[in-house]
């Protein structure tokens, strides 16, 4: 089975390739050492430890990247033969290989990302439509790490849904764990934006909807432009139907036409939301996610240089 976590690297952090063989007689080169291959899960981001710039984005199966190259072999004694020195007793040592400290980061690979403020019912929704068992409680920030679940429904393709921990104002600027959460959302193709329509906590669903989208836009225009299904959750505690109709009208005016009233707790209208997500995923192409120029780490060309001292003997 393929790797799904970076847990192994918690216990082993240093990897060293073998040393190549020495040159032999009859002008034979030394044997090249075998490549040291380190396996990581699909979706791993590799960053330079010192600059934090991205070196590689291993988003696809069988993606590979060379982190450090071995040193170039030295010249054997036959390279220093002259008419007066037929068998030199010296040779040139090889160059040392590269050493590099890196940071590994695993981004979620999900089709659908659940976004919204804390305690709006995202985890309850995920537990209702998948076999995932996220921690659920009636207080903020219950979810401290993303949870994944597979949605399976009759007559549609299965897809992976991620419950992203609640985003707060300032997330795009690093408030709380905002940047960590937003990075996970990047790899989703479709967003299900959940708001609390009940108003039992004194929040305004439309204001929350606008604030979350502002954070998405500040972080990445492409992320903000991703297709969204807007879900007005906790409808079972809504006693004025006009509240939802007013919310839907305002959201429609912003250009979002997929707006559903739902109750994850009672499972009311949950199936309709899931079917709409499955239908939209069929129309959304799977594109290669780009790395921004600000993040990209440009490898400098490394040239081998030699300082050779020749002595008679």
Protein backbone atom coordinates (compact mmCIF):
# COMPACT_ATOMS: atom_id res chain seq x y z
CA UNK A 1 0.00 0.00 0.00
CA UNK A 2 1.13 3.57 -0.69
CA UNK A 3 2.33 5.93 1.99
CA UNK A 4 -0.28 8.30 3.37
CA UNK A 5 1.61 10.12 6.14
CA UNK A 6 5.05 11.56 6.93
CA UNK A 7 5.17 9.81 10.30
CA UNK A 8 8.22 7.70 9.39
CA UNK A 9 10.34 10.85 9.13
CA UNK A 10 9.69 11.65 12.77
CA UNK A 11 12.00 8.79 13.73
CA UNK A 12 14.55 8.91 10.91
CA UNK A 13 15.67 12.31 9.70
CA UNK A 14 19.10 11.76 8.19
CA UNK A 15 19.60 9.89 4.93
CA UNK A 16 23.05 9.22 3.47
CA UNK A 17 23.79 7.57 0.14
CA UNK A 18 26.55 4.99 -0.24
CA UNK A 19 30.06 5.95 -1.32
CA UNK A 20 31.09 5.03 -4.84
CA UNK A 21 33.83 2.51 -5.54
CA UNK A 22 37.49 3.31 -6.14
CA UNK A 23 39.10 3.18 -9.54
CA UNK A 24 40.78 -0.08 -10.57
CA UNK A 25 43.57 -1.22 -12.80
CA UNK A 26 43.46 -1.29 -16.59
CA UNK A 27 42.06 2.24 -16.61
CA UNK A 28 38.75 1.17 -15.07
CA UNK A 29 36.50 3.74 -13.46
CA UNK A 30 35.23 3.23 -9.93
CA UNK A 31 31.71 1.86 -9.53
CA UNK A 32 28.92 4.39 -9.11
CA UNK A 33 27.05 4.05 -5.84
CA UNK A 34 23.36 3.17 -6.00
CA UNK A 35 20.93 6.05 -5.80
CA UNK A 36 19.33 6.53 -2.40
CA UNK A 37 15.59 6.74 -2.98
CA UNK A 38 13.37 8.03 -0.19
CA UNK A 39 9.65 7.37 -0.60
CA UNK A 40 7.11 10.03 0.39
CA UNK A 41 3.31 10.18 0.05
CA UNK A 42 1.75 11.65 -3.06
CA UNK A 43 1.01 15.30 -2.39
CA UNK A 44 4.27 16.02 -0.55
CA UNK A 45 5.77 19.49 -0.79
CA UNK A 46 9.57 19.73 -0.40
CA UNK A 47 10.95 23.00 0.96
CA UNK A 48 14.48 24.26 1.46
CA UNK A 49 14.98 24.37 5.23
CA UNK A 50 16.85 27.70 5.25
CA UNK A 51 14.75 29.71 2.79
CA UNK A 52 11.42 27.87 3.16
CA UNK A 53 11.09 28.10 -0.62
CA UNK A 54 9.49 25.19 -2.45
CA UNK A 55 11.94 22.90 -4.20
CA UNK A 56 9.45 20.37 -5.55
CA UNK A 57 5.75 19.57 -5.52
CA UNK A 58 5.22 15.81 -5.78
CA UNK A 59 1.53 15.95 -6.66
CA UNK A 60 1.29 12.90 -8.89
CA UNK A 61 1.98 9.21 -8.59
CA UNK A 62 5.60 8.28 -9.39
CA UNK A 63 6.80 11.92 -9.34
CA UNK A 64 10.53 12.08 -8.51
CA UNK A 65 13.00 14.83 -7.71
CA UNK A 66 16.75 14.86 -7.05
CA UNK A 67 17.42 16.60 -3.74
CA UNK A 68 21.20 16.19 -3.55
CA UNK A 69 23.63 14.96 -6.17
CA UNK A 70 26.63 12.79 -5.52
CA UNK A 71 30.10 14.19 -6.00
CA UNK A 72 31.89 13.85 -9.31
CA UNK A 73 34.58 11.20 -9.32
CA UNK A 74 38.22 12.21 -9.43
CA UNK A 75 40.73 11.48 -12.16
CA UNK A 76 42.77 8.32 -11.99
CA UNK A 77 46.58 8.23 -12.17
CA UNK A 78 46.54 7.43 -15.88
CA UNK A 79 45.19 10.94 -16.51
CA UNK A 80 48.48 12.36 -15.23
CA UNK A 81 50.80 10.25 -17.34
CA UNK A 82 53.51 12.10 -19.25
CA UNK A 83 56.35 10.89 -21.47
CA UNK A 84 58.64 11.05 -18.44
CA UNK A 85 56.10 9.80 -15.90
CA UNK A 86 54.62 6.54 -17.17
CA UNK A 87 53.07 5.36 -13.89
CA UNK A 88 52.22 8.21 -11.52
CA UNK A 89 51.71 7.22 -7.91
CA UNK A 90 48.99 9.77 -7.32
CA UNK A 91 45.46 10.42 -8.43
CA UNK A 92 42.82 13.06 -7.95
CA UNK A 93 40.26 12.50 -5.19
CA UNK A 94 36.59 12.77 -6.00
CA UNK A 95 34.43 15.71 -5.00
CA UNK A 96 32.15 15.44 -1.98
CA UNK A 97 28.45 15.03 -2.64
CA UNK A 98 25.84 17.64 -1.84
CA UNK A 99 24.27 17.94 1.59
CA UNK A 100 20.93 19.63 2.15
CA UNK A 101 18.41 20.11 4.92
CA UNK A 102 14.82 20.05 3.74
CA UNK A 103 11.33 20.30 5.19
CA UNK A 104 8.57 17.92 4.10
CA UNK A 105 4.96 19.07 4.11
CA UNK A 106 1.99 16.91 3.14
CA UNK A 107 -1.01 18.60 1.59
CA UNK A 108 -4.35 16.90 1.58
CA UNK A 109 -5.53 15.43 -1.68
CA UNK A 110 -9.30 15.79 -1.64
CA UNK A 111 -11.96 16.50 -4.25
CA UNK A 112 -14.18 18.61 -1.99
CA UNK A 113 -13.18 20.91 0.84
CA UNK A 114 -15.59 21.99 3.58
CA UNK A 115 -14.93 25.60 4.57
CA UNK A 116 -16.57 27.97 7.02
CA UNK A 117 -16.26 29.52 10.44
CA UNK A 118 -15.78 27.26 13.49
CA UNK A 119 -18.83 25.45 14.87
CA UNK A 120 -21.05 25.78 11.80
CA UNK A 121 -21.50 22.00 11.44
CA UNK A 122 -18.80 20.94 8.98
CA UNK A 123 -17.68 17.94 11.04
CA UNK A 124 -21.27 16.81 11.59
CA UNK A 125 -21.85 17.02 7.84
CA UNK A 126 -18.72 14.97 7.10
CA UNK A 127 -19.69 12.30 9.63
CA UNK A 128 -23.18 12.13 8.11
CA UNK A 129 -22.10 11.52 4.52
CA UNK A 130 -18.93 9.45 5.07
CA UNK A 131 -17.55 6.83 7.43
CA UNK A 132 -15.21 9.41 8.96
CA UNK A 133 -15.49 9.95 12.70
CA UNK A 134 -14.25 13.47 13.40
CA UNK A 135 -14.38 14.91 16.90
CA UNK A 136 -17.68 16.78 17.26
CA UNK A 137 -18.73 19.10 20.07
CA UNK A 138 -20.73 22.28 20.46
CA UNK A 139 -17.79 24.63 20.93
CA UNK A 140 -15.38 26.42 18.64
CA UNK A 141 -12.20 24.85 17.23
CA UNK A 142 -13.20 21.26 17.95
CA UNK A 143 -11.45 20.31 14.70
CA UNK A 144 -7.74 21.06 15.00
CA UNK A 145 -6.56 19.06 12.01
CA UNK A 146 -8.19 18.18 8.68
CA UNK A 147 -10.34 15.06 8.50
CA UNK A 148 -10.89 13.04 5.33
CA UNK A 149 -13.84 10.89 4.33
CA UNK A 150 -14.99 9.10 1.19
CA UNK A 151 -18.48 9.95 -0.02
CA UNK A 152 -20.27 7.07 -1.73
CA UNK A 153 -23.79 7.38 -3.08
CA UNK A 154 -25.82 5.30 -5.49
CA UNK A 155 -25.60 6.41 -9.09
CA UNK A 156 -22.54 8.64 -8.71
CA UNK A 157 -18.77 8.37 -8.52
CA UNK A 158 -17.22 8.28 -5.07
CA UNK A 159 -15.19 11.31 -4.04
CA UNK A 160 -13.00 12.42 -1.15
CA UNK A 161 -14.22 15.18 1.14
CA UNK A 162 -12.02 17.09 3.59
CA UNK A 163 -13.28 18.85 6.71
CA UNK A 164 -10.91 21.80 6.97
CA UNK A 165 -10.65 23.31 10.48
CA UNK A 166 -12.65 26.51 10.90
CA UNK A 167 -11.14 29.55 9.23
CA UNK A 168 -11.17 32.85 11.11
CA UNK A 169 -10.66 36.46 10.11
CA UNK A 170 -6.99 37.12 9.40
CA UNK A 171 -6.32 33.52 8.36
CA UNK A 172 -4.71 34.67 5.10
CA UNK A 173 -2.25 36.72 7.16
CA UNK A 174 -1.33 33.81 9.41
CA UNK A 175 -3.71 34.44 12.32
CA UNK A 176 -4.16 31.24 14.31
CA UNK A 177 -3.39 28.26 12.09
CA UNK A 178 -4.97 29.98 9.11
CA UNK A 179 -2.18 29.56 6.58
CA UNK A 180 -1.85 25.85 7.40
CA UNK A 181 -5.59 25.37 6.84
CA UNK A 182 -5.68 27.41 3.63
CA UNK A 183 -2.80 25.40 2.15
CA UNK A 184 -4.86 22.25 2.56
CA UNK A 185 -7.81 23.78 0.69
CA UNK A 186 -5.59 24.52 -2.32
CA UNK A 187 -5.70 20.93 -3.52
CA UNK A 188 -9.48 20.64 -3.61
CA UNK A 189 -11.47 21.05 -6.82
CA UNK A 190 -14.73 22.14 -5.24
CA UNK A 191 -15.59 24.03 -2.06
CA UNK A 192 -18.68 23.42 0.05
CA UNK A 193 -19.07 26.63 2.02
CA UNK A 194 -21.02 25.99 5.22
CA UNK A 195 -22.66 28.77 7.24
CA UNK A 196 -24.85 28.69 10.35
CA UNK A 197 -28.24 30.02 9.21
CA UNK A 198 -29.88 29.60 12.62
CA UNK A 199 -28.28 32.67 14.15
CA UNK A 200 -28.37 31.06 17.60
CA UNK A 201 -24.86 32.35 18.34
CA UNK A 202 -25.70 35.87 17.25
CA UNK A 203 -23.78 35.64 13.98
CA UNK A 204 -24.97 36.86 10.60
CA UNK A 205 -24.72 34.08 7.99
CA UNK A 206 -24.21 36.45 5.06
CA UNK A 207 -21.50 38.45 6.83
CA UNK A 208 -19.71 35.21 7.69
CA UNK A 209 -19.98 34.08 4.07
CA UNK A 210 -18.43 37.32 2.81
CA UNK A 211 -15.63 37.27 5.41
CA UNK A 212 -14.56 33.73 4.55
CA UNK A 213 -14.48 34.54 0.84
CA UNK A 214 -12.39 37.61 1.58
CA UNK A 215 -9.83 35.41 3.35
CA UNK A 216 -9.80 32.99 0.41
CA UNK A 217 -9.25 35.85 -2.03
CA UNK A 218 -6.45 37.40 0.03
CA UNK A 219 -4.67 34.06 0.13
CA UNK A 220 -5.15 33.17 -3.54
CA UNK A 221 -7.38 34.59 -6.26
CA UNK A 222 -7.47 31.14 -7.85
CA UNK A 223 -8.71 29.64 -4.60
CA UNK A 224 -11.38 32.31 -4.27
CA UNK A 225 -12.47 31.64 -7.86
CA UNK A 226 -12.94 27.91 -7.20
CA UNK A 227 -16.53 26.62 -7.65
CA UNK A 228 -18.60 26.71 -4.45
CA UNK A 229 -21.75 25.11 -3.16
CA UNK A 230 -23.17 27.31 -0.41
CA UNK A 231 -24.85 25.41 2.42
CA UNK A 232 -27.03 27.15 5.00
CA UNK A 233 -26.75 24.60 7.80
CA UNK A 234 -28.68 24.18 11.08
CA UNK A 235 -31.94 24.89 9.27
CA UNK A 236 -33.72 22.73 11.84
CA UNK A 237 -33.22 25.57 14.31
CA UNK A 238 -34.40 28.28 11.92
CA UNK A 239 -37.89 29.54 12.71
CA UNK A 240 -38.17 32.32 10.13
CA UNK A 241 -38.04 31.11 6.53
CA UNK A 242 -37.49 34.67 5.33
CA UNK A 243 -34.01 34.58 6.89
CA UNK A 244 -32.89 31.88 4.46
CA UNK A 245 -34.60 33.49 1.48
CA UNK A 246 -32.90 36.80 2.22
CA UNK A 247 -29.54 35.04 2.61
CA UNK A 248 -29.99 33.15 -0.66
CA UNK A 249 -30.89 36.33 -2.55
CA UNK A 250 -27.79 38.16 -1.32
CA UNK A 251 -25.51 35.22 -2.13
CA UNK A 252 -27.04 34.89 -5.60
CA UNK A 253 -26.34 38.57 -6.22
CA UNK A 254 -22.65 37.88 -5.58
CA UNK A 255 -22.67 35.28 -8.36
CA UNK A 256 -23.11 32.08 -6.35
CA UNK A 257 -26.12 30.17 -7.66
CA UNK A 258 -25.75 26.86 -5.80
CA UNK A 259 -27.36 27.64 -2.43
CA UNK A 260 -28.93 24.93 -0.26
CA UNK A 261 -30.77 24.94 3.05
CA UNK A 262 -29.70 21.91 5.08
CA UNK A 263 -29.55 20.32 8.51
CA UNK A 264 -26.61 17.97 8.98
CA UNK A 265 -27.94 16.97 12.40
CA UNK A 266 -31.30 15.74 11.05
CA UNK A 267 -29.89 14.87 7.59
CA UNK A 268 -32.49 17.12 5.97
CA UNK A 269 -31.51 17.92 2.35
CA UNK A 270 -28.06 16.37 2.83
CA UNK A 271 -28.57 14.04 -0.13
CA UNK A 272 -29.33 16.95 -2.46
CA UNK A 273 -26.07 18.68 -1.53
CA UNK A 274 -24.05 15.50 -2.08
CA UNK A 275 -25.63 14.83 -5.45
CA UNK A 276 -24.92 18.39 -6.57
CA UNK A 277 -21.29 18.02 -5.49
CA UNK A 278 -20.96 14.75 -7.42
CA UNK A 279 -22.51 16.30 -10.52
CA UNK A 280 -20.23 19.36 -10.39
CA UNK A 281 -17.10 17.24 -9.94
CA UNK A 282 -17.84 15.52 -13.24
CA UNK A 283 -17.60 18.91 -14.94
CA UNK A 284 -14.54 20.25 -13.10
CA UNK A 285 -11.31 19.10 -14.76
CA UNK A 286 -8.44 17.81 -12.68
CA UNK A 287 -5.70 20.33 -13.34
CA UNK A 288 -2.10 20.33 -12.29
CA UNK A 289 -1.82 22.73 -9.38
CA UNK A 290 0.76 25.42 -9.92
CA UNK A 291 3.39 26.73 -7.56
CA UNK A 292 3.48 30.51 -7.33
CA UNK A 293 6.58 32.42 -8.37
CA UNK A 294 6.91 33.70 -4.82
CA UNK A 295 7.19 30.15 -3.50
CA UNK A 296 9.27 28.65 -6.27
CA UNK A 297 12.85 27.81 -5.42
CA UNK A 298 15.13 28.09 -8.44
CA UNK A 299 17.97 25.65 -8.27
CA UNK A 300 21.32 27.25 -8.95
CA UNK A 301 23.48 25.37 -11.39
CA UNK A 302 26.25 23.71 -9.47
CA UNK A 303 29.56 23.31 -11.25
CA UNK A 304 32.32 21.07 -9.98
CA UNK A 305 35.71 22.72 -9.54
CA UNK A 306 39.02 21.08 -8.85
CA UNK A 307 42.12 22.09 -6.98
CA UNK A 308 44.75 19.58 -8.02
CA UNK A 309 48.21 19.40 -6.54
CA UNK A 310 50.69 17.25 -8.46
CA UNK A 311 53.81 15.93 -6.85
CA UNK A 312 56.50 13.78 -8.36
CA UNK A 313 56.91 10.35 -6.96
